[in-house]
Amino acid sequence: MSITENDVKAILSTVIDPNTGKDYVSSKSIKNITLSGADVALDVELGYPAASQFAPVRDSVTAALKGLPGVGGVAVKVYSKILSHAVQRGLKVMPNVKNIIAVASGKGGVGKSTTAVNLALALAAEGASVGILDADIYGPSQPMMLGISGRPESTDGKTMEPLENHGVQVSSIGFMIDPDEPMVWRGPMVTGALQQLLEQTNWRDLDYLIVDMPPGTGDIQLTLSQKVPVTGAVIVTTPQDIALLDARKGLKMFEKVGIPIIGVVENMSTHICSNCGHTEAIFGQGGGEKMCRDFGVEFLGALPLTLSIREQTDSGRPTVVADPDGPVAAIYKEIARKVAVKVAEKAKDMTSKFPSIVVKND
């Protein structure tokens, strides 16, 4: 008895993608099924970057197909296809940036910039085209964290090229000022600078642009919500009550302005002693997870407070680059995968599919 396409779909509807928790058929990941006698060939299209996951996905799908009676050869191709997803009502997705993800916190000092840069590097490591916009105009830190110096070039006198390191495109006000120079600017100048950095940087076909936000809920956050097409926000907090108090305000602000919350990252969750390895929850325990339960959002992961994270980031080689196979990099990569999966599950941006409607009075 020959194998049919329905047989293939039936067996693959029982195979679960470990990253999404959904089977490959209902998630519409199976493409181009080809049957030739007893041989089966097909593609698995993932909506999130997953270079490290291609082999296990291929193996699980191949093993399931080989379990079909009468199957001969099996050929499975796995790849990622990142699409643009819906943003706030009334805004259009940028032509050269598919998805903008804001990384924010209610207060400073919780490791937001460190989380943002490692998130960007983890997405790039999985094969995505990634940029990072340093929106912390008063305290730009991404040039130092990514080990980049120098000034951006401009070929036309109007726009500038992003600088790049570790496979990530970067734009920051820090490239244009002296490191010791304070930004003594009022709100309108700061928000104008943010828009210029975003719109006048020649981003090269980004799947994701990570925006490292300044702390708080002020001018820049409002400008971002009203004028920048944001796919979703990641909130960074630490476990102690005072940080969670401000993080909750930040989360509520994004909800009020119509930007979906992708999830919460708890930084400095536990302290690991560099001498003996003893783990201690010096800032409290479970605060980030409780906040997620209260607001009905996803807890993306918890990161330890370790000396190595600080040393690596200060040296311009953040953890995901400095120790890509280490336990902390694995946490960052898992958080990045969860973020990408959450983005992939959002409604797709359809604005490019519709023609512009112009009403004329004859």
Protein backbone atom coordinates (compact mmCIF):
# COMPACT_ATOMS: atom_id res chain seq x y z
CA MET A 1 0.00 0.00 0.00
CA SER A 2 1.46 3.36 -1.06
CA ILE A 3 1.95 6.22 1.37
CA THR A 4 -0.25 9.32 1.02
CA GLU A 5 0.24 12.92 2.03
CA ASN A 6 -2.45 12.43 4.67
CA ASP A 7 -0.42 9.57 6.19
CA VAL A 8 2.57 11.90 6.45
CA LYS A 9 0.52 14.67 8.06
CA ALA A 10 -1.16 12.25 10.45
CA ILE A 11 2.13 10.96 11.81
CA LEU A 12 3.70 14.44 12.02
CA SER A 13 0.68 15.79 13.90
CA THR A 14 1.97 13.70 16.82
CA VAL A 15 5.47 15.21 16.73
CA ILE A 16 5.79 18.24 19.04
CA ASP A 17 8.19 21.14 18.49
CA PRO A 18 9.90 21.37 21.93
CA ASN A 19 10.33 25.14 21.53
CA THR A 20 6.69 26.00 20.78
CA GLY A 21 4.89 23.08 22.43
CA LYS A 22 2.82 22.65 19.23
CA ASP A 23 2.89 19.88 16.64
CA TYR A 24 4.41 20.64 13.26
CA VAL A 25 1.16 20.18 11.32
CA SER A 26 -1.16 22.47 13.33
CA SER A 27 1.58 25.13 13.41
CA LYS A 28 1.75 24.90 9.58
CA SER A 29 5.50 24.24 9.69
CA ILE A 30 5.40 21.32 7.22
CA LYS A 31 5.95 22.48 3.64
CA ASN A 32 6.53 20.92 0.21
CA ILE A 33 5.68 17.27 0.91
CA THR A 34 6.93 15.19 -2.01
CA LEU A 35 6.18 11.47 -2.40
CA SER A 36 8.13 9.33 -4.83
CA GLY A 37 7.25 5.66 -4.49
CA ALA A 38 8.23 4.74 -0.93
CA ASP A 39 10.41 7.84 -0.49
CA VAL A 40 9.27 10.95 1.41
CA ALA A 41 10.80 14.44 1.24
CA LEU A 42 9.57 17.58 2.99
CA ASP A 43 10.60 20.89 4.53
CA VAL A 44 10.12 22.06 8.11
CA GLU A 45 9.81 25.85 8.27
CA LEU A 46 10.37 27.38 11.71
CA GLY A 47 9.11 30.90 12.41
CA TYR A 48 11.97 31.65 14.81
CA PRO A 49 15.80 31.56 14.46
CA ALA A 50 17.00 28.13 15.55
CA ALA A 51 20.28 27.14 13.92
CA SER A 52 21.17 25.03 16.97
CA GLN A 53 17.79 23.29 16.80
CA PHE A 54 17.84 22.22 13.14
CA ALA A 55 19.51 18.85 13.77
CA PRO A 56 17.24 17.71 16.65
CA VAL A 57 14.12 18.87 14.75
CA ARG A 58 15.29 17.01 11.64
CA ASP A 59 16.04 13.88 13.68
CA SER A 60 12.64 13.84 15.42
CA VAL A 61 10.70 14.35 12.17
CA THR A 62 12.82 11.76 10.34
CA ALA A 63 12.34 9.20 13.12
CA ALA A 64 8.55 9.69 13.03
CA LEU A 65 8.40 9.29 9.25
CA LYS A 66 10.51 6.13 9.35
CA GLY A 67 7.90 4.70 11.68
CA LEU A 68 5.34 4.73 8.85
CA PRO A 69 4.86 1.24 7.37
CA GLY A 70 6.32 0.98 3.87
CA VAL A 71 8.48 4.11 4.01
CA GLY A 72 11.78 3.93 2.17
CA GLY A 73 14.07 6.96 2.08
CA VAL A 74 13.33 10.08 4.13
CA ALA A 75 14.72 13.55 3.33
CA VAL A 76 13.92 16.40 5.75
CA LYS A 77 15.14 19.97 5.28
CA VAL A 78 14.81 22.37 8.26
CA TYR A 79 15.13 26.15 7.97
CA SER A 80 13.95 29.38 9.64
CA LYS A 81 11.82 32.07 8.03
CA ILE A 82 11.38 35.23 10.12
CA LEU A 83 8.36 37.37 9.21
CA SER A 84 7.23 40.85 10.22
CA HIS A 85 4.58 40.88 12.92
CA ALA A 86 1.85 43.31 13.89
CA VAL A 87 2.69 46.52 15.76
CA GLN A 88 0.66 49.25 17.48
CA ARG A 89 -2.44 50.41 15.64
CA GLY A 90 -1.79 53.33 13.29
CA LEU A 91 1.92 52.56 12.79
CA LYS A 92 3.64 50.79 9.89
CA VAL A 93 6.49 48.29 10.16
CA MET A 94 9.82 49.79 9.07
CA PRO A 95 10.80 48.62 5.56
CA ASN A 96 14.22 47.26 6.61
CA VAL A 97 13.37 46.04 10.14
CA LYS A 98 10.93 43.15 10.54
CA ASN A 99 10.47 43.19 14.33
CA ILE A 100 11.38 45.75 17.00
CA ILE A 101 11.72 44.43 20.55
CA ALA A 102 12.04 46.91 23.43
CA VAL A 103 14.03 45.77 26.46
CA ALA A 104 12.91 47.91 29.38
CA SER A 105 12.98 48.23 33.16
CA GLY A 106 11.20 50.36 35.69
CA LYS A 107 14.44 51.42 37.35
CA GLY A 108 18.16 51.53 36.64
CA GLY A 109 20.78 49.10 37.85
CA VAL A 110 18.86 45.88 37.20
CA GLY A 111 21.06 44.69 34.31
CA LYS A 112 18.75 45.72 31.48
CA SER A 113 21.54 46.67 29.04
CA THR A 114 23.44 43.45 29.78
CA THR A 115 20.26 41.46 29.13
CA ALA A 116 19.57 43.41 25.91
CA VAL A 117 23.03 42.85 24.43
CA ASN A 118 23.10 39.14 25.30
CA LEU A 119 19.58 38.72 23.90
CA ALA A 120 20.72 40.33 20.63
CA LEU A 121 23.85 38.16 20.47
CA ALA A 122 21.86 34.99 21.24
CA LEU A 123 19.39 35.69 18.41
CA ALA A 124 22.33 36.35 16.05
CA ALA A 125 23.99 33.09 17.15
CA GLU A 126 20.82 31.24 16.07
CA GLY A 127 21.13 32.67 12.57
CA ALA A 128 18.99 35.84 12.73
CA SER A 129 19.98 39.22 11.32
CA VAL A 130 20.04 41.42 14.43
CA GLY A 131 20.61 45.06 15.33
CA ILE A 132 20.71 46.87 18.66
CA LEU A 133 19.61 50.47 19.16
CA ASP A 134 21.02 52.11 22.27
CA ALA A 135 18.06 54.30 23.27
CA ASP A 136 19.57 55.24 26.63
CA ILE A 137 20.61 58.68 25.41
CA TYR A 138 21.76 59.92 28.84
CA GLY A 139 23.79 56.79 29.61
CA PRO A 140 24.74 54.91 26.42
CA SER A 141 26.55 51.69 27.32
CA GLN A 142 26.31 49.48 24.22
CA PRO A 143 29.55 50.79 22.57
CA MET A 144 31.54 49.61 25.60
CA MET A 145 29.57 46.39 26.03
CA LEU A 146 30.08 45.42 22.38
CA GLY A 147 33.69 46.62 22.25
CA ILE A 148 33.01 49.17 19.49
CA SER A 149 34.66 52.56 19.09
CA GLY A 150 34.81 55.07 16.26
CA ARG A 151 32.19 57.15 14.49
CA PRO A 152 29.56 56.00 12.03
CA GLU A 153 30.11 56.80 8.35
CA SER A 154 27.64 58.65 6.17
CA THR A 155 27.66 58.23 2.39
CA ASP A 156 24.96 60.81 1.65
CA GLY A 157 25.28 63.29 4.53
CA LYS A 158 21.75 62.44 5.71
CA THR A 159 21.91 58.85 6.96
CA MET A 160 24.56 56.81 8.75
CA GLU A 161 25.84 53.27 8.60
CA PRO A 162 25.52 51.14 11.73
CA LEU A 163 28.75 50.00 13.33
CA GLU A 164 29.10 46.26 13.82
CA ASN A 165 30.75 43.71 16.08
CA HIS A 166 30.08 40.06 16.97
CA GLY A 167 27.66 39.92 14.01
CA VAL A 168 25.30 42.59 15.42
CA GLN A 169 24.57 46.01 13.86
CA VAL A 170 24.67 48.84 16.41
CA SER A 171 23.55 52.48 16.58
CA SER A 172 24.19 54.62 19.66
CA ILE A 173 24.58 58.28 20.59
CA GLY A 174 27.70 57.03 22.37
CA PHE A 175 29.48 56.82 19.00
CA MET A 176 29.05 60.58 18.48
CA ILE A 177 30.05 62.05 21.84
CA ASP A 178 33.06 61.96 24.11
CA PRO A 179 32.66 59.16 26.70
CA ASP A 180 33.07 61.71 29.54
CA GLU A 181 30.65 64.22 28.02
CA PRO A 182 27.31 64.43 29.86
CA MET A 183 24.12 64.71 27.77
CA VAL A 184 22.63 67.91 29.21
CA TRP A 185 19.50 67.75 27.05
CA ARG A 186 15.84 68.38 27.70
CA GLY A 187 13.16 65.83 26.80
CA PRO A 188 12.32 67.01 23.23
CA MET A 189 16.00 66.87 22.20
CA VAL A 190 16.35 63.38 23.63
CA THR A 191 13.25 62.04 21.86
CA GLY A 192 14.39 63.70 18.62
CA ALA A 193 17.78 61.97 18.94
CA LEU A 194 16.05 58.61 19.47
CA GLN A 195 14.00 59.01 16.29
CA GLN A 196 17.06 60.06 14.30
CA LEU A 197 19.06 57.08 15.55
CA LEU A 198 16.21 54.75 14.60
CA GLU A 199 15.16 56.21 11.25
CA GLN A 200 18.44 57.62 9.91
CA THR A 201 20.53 54.49 10.53
CA ASN A 202 20.80 52.32 7.41
CA TRP A 203 19.81 49.07 9.09
CA ARG A 204 20.55 46.17 6.74
CA ASP A 205 17.51 43.86 6.52
CA LEU A 206 17.07 43.08 10.20
CA ASP A 207 14.93 40.23 11.49
CA TYR A 208 15.06 41.81 14.95
CA LEU A 209 16.05 45.22 16.26
CA ILE A 210 16.61 45.13 20.02
CA VAL A 211 16.04 48.55 21.62
CA ASP A 212 17.95 49.02 24.88
CA MET A 213 15.59 51.44 26.65
CA PRO A 214 16.50 53.93 29.37
CA PRO A 215 14.98 53.08 32.76
CA GLY A 216 11.65 54.57 33.81
CA THR A 217 8.42 55.61 32.12
CA GLY A 218 9.20 59.05 30.71
CA ASP A 219 9.56 60.89 27.41
CA ILE A 220 11.50 58.24 25.50
CA GLN A 221 9.10 55.47 26.50
CA LEU A 222 6.14 57.56 25.33
CA THR A 223 7.85 58.44 22.04
CA LEU A 224 8.66 54.78 21.48
CA SER A 225 5.04 53.77 22.07
CA GLN A 226 3.54 56.51 19.88
CA LYS A 227 5.97 56.79 16.96
CA VAL A 228 8.03 53.59 16.78
CA PRO A 229 6.46 50.33 15.45
CA VAL A 230 7.21 47.98 18.36
CA THR A 231 6.40 44.26 18.12
CA GLY A 232 6.67 43.67 21.87
CA ALA A 233 8.50 44.50 25.09
CA VAL A 234 10.68 42.47 27.45
CA ILE A 235 10.71 43.69 31.07
CA VAL A 236 13.89 43.17 33.12
CA THR A 237 13.75 43.20 36.92
CA THR A 238 15.55 41.86 39.96
CA PRO A 239 13.77 39.83 42.66
CA GLN A 240 13.67 42.47 45.41
CA ASP A 241 10.42 44.29 46.13
CA ILE A 242 11.66 47.80 45.29
CA ALA A 243 12.74 46.74 41.78
CA LEU A 244 9.53 44.80 41.22
CA LEU A 245 7.47 47.83 42.25
CA ASP A 246 9.00 49.87 39.40
CA ALA A 247 8.97 46.94 36.97
CA ARG A 248 5.22 46.58 37.47
CA LYS A 249 4.79 50.26 36.57
CA GLY A 250 6.84 49.75 33.40
CA LEU A 251 4.76 46.73 32.44
CA LYS A 252 1.50 48.61 32.99
CA MET A 253 2.78 51.53 30.90
CA PHE A 254 3.39 49.29 27.88
CA GLU A 255 -0.04 47.72 28.32
CA LYS A 256 -1.67 51.19 28.38
CA VAL A 257 -0.04 52.25 25.11
CA GLY A 258 -0.87 49.02 23.29
CA ILE A 259 2.56 47.36 23.18
CA PRO A 260 2.31 43.63 24.03
CA ILE A 261 4.49 42.28 26.84
CA ILE A 262 6.57 39.36 25.54
CA GLY A 263 7.65 38.40 29.03
CA VAL A 264 9.75 39.14 32.11
CA VAL A 265 13.43 38.35 32.76
CA GLU A 266 14.61 38.18 36.38
CA ASN A 267 18.22 39.30 36.64
CA MET A 268 20.54 38.73 39.64
CA SER A 269 18.16 35.98 40.71
CA THR A 270 20.76 34.22 42.83
CA HIS A 271 24.34 35.02 43.78
CA ILE A 272 26.95 32.37 42.98
CA CYS A 273 30.09 32.60 45.10
CA SER A 274 33.19 32.65 42.88
CA ASN A 275 35.22 30.82 45.59
CA CYS A 276 33.00 27.96 46.68
CA GLY A 277 30.10 27.98 44.21
CA HIS A 278 27.51 28.44 46.97
CA THR A 279 24.21 29.82 45.63
CA GLU A 280 22.23 32.32 47.68
CA ALA A 281 19.10 34.39 46.84
CA ILE A 282 20.46 37.63 48.32
CA PHE A 283 17.81 39.82 46.62
CA GLY A 284 14.86 37.62 47.56
CA GLN A 285 13.22 34.80 45.67
CA GLY A 286 10.35 34.25 43.24
CA GLY A 287 9.46 37.93 42.77
CA GLY A 288 9.64 37.89 38.98
CA GLU A 289 7.53 34.74 38.71
CA LYS A 290 4.88 36.17 41.06
CA MET A 291 4.74 39.35 38.97
CA CYS A 292 4.17 37.24 35.86
CA ARG A 293 1.33 35.37 37.55
CA ASP A 294 -0.25 38.65 38.67
CA PHE A 295 -0.23 40.10 35.16
CA GLY A 296 -0.71 36.94 33.13
CA VAL A 297 2.58 37.22 31.21
CA GLU A 298 5.34 34.70 30.54
CA PHE A 299 8.35 34.28 32.82
CA LEU A 300 11.20 34.07 30.32
CA GLY A 301 13.98 33.03 32.68
CA ALA A 302 16.23 33.88 35.62
CA LEU A 303 19.90 34.84 35.49
CA PRO A 304 22.43 34.55 38.31
CA LEU A 305 24.53 37.37 39.75
CA THR A 306 28.04 36.24 38.83
CA LEU A 307 31.38 37.99 38.49
CA SER A 308 31.92 36.56 35.00
CA ILE A 309 28.87 38.30 33.48
CA ARG A 310 30.17 41.70 34.65
CA GLU A 311 33.77 41.03 33.60
CA GLN A 312 32.81 39.75 30.16
CA THR A 313 30.43 42.63 29.43
CA ASP A 314 32.89 45.28 30.63
CA SER A 315 35.57 43.82 28.34
CA GLY A 316 33.37 44.19 25.22
CA ARG A 317 32.74 40.45 24.91
CA PRO A 318 29.37 39.69 26.55
CA THR A 319 28.70 36.21 27.91
CA VAL A 320 27.04 34.75 24.80
CA VAL A 321 30.23 35.57 22.82
CA ALA A 322 32.84 35.06 25.57
CA ASP A 323 31.55 31.70 26.79
CA PRO A 324 29.01 30.51 24.17
CA ASP A 325 28.80 26.96 25.52
CA GLY A 326 28.70 27.91 29.21
CA PRO A 327 25.70 27.58 31.55
CA VAL A 328 24.89 31.33 31.65
CA ALA A 329 25.01 31.66 27.84
CA ALA A 330 22.62 28.69 27.70
CA ILE A 331 20.12 30.66 29.83
CA TYR A 332 20.42 33.73 27.59
CA LYS A 333 19.91 31.54 24.51
CA GLU A 334 16.85 29.89 26.02
CA ILE A 335 15.39 33.33 26.85
CA ALA A 336 16.12 34.52 23.29
CA ARG A 337 14.40 31.45 21.83
CA LYS A 338 11.34 32.03 24.00
CA VAL A 339 11.23 35.68 22.87
CA ALA A 340 11.51 34.69 19.21
CA VAL A 341 8.80 32.03 19.57
CA LYS A 342 6.46 34.52 21.28
CA VAL A 343 7.06 36.99 18.44
CA ALA A 344 6.46 34.27 15.82
CA GLU A 345 3.10 33.45 17.43
CA LYS A 346 1.88 37.05 17.10
CA ALA A 347 -0.35 38.14 14.23
CA LYS A 348 1.62 38.72 11.03
CA ASP A 349 1.94 42.24 9.67
CA MET A 350 -0.42 42.49 6.69
CA THR A 351 0.01 46.19 5.82
CA SER A 352 2.20 45.38 2.82
CA LYS A 353 -0.56 43.19 1.40
CA PHE A 354 -3.10 45.99 1.16
CA PRO A 355 -3.00 48.72 -1.49
CA SER A 356 -2.99 52.33 -0.37
CA ILE A 357 -6.47 53.79 -0.66
CA VAL A 358 -6.61 57.40 -1.83
CA VAL A 359 -9.91 59.29 -1.79
CA LYS A 360 -10.15 62.09 -4.36
CA ASN A 361 -12.87 64.69 -4.82
CA ASP A 362 -13.69 65.04 -8.52
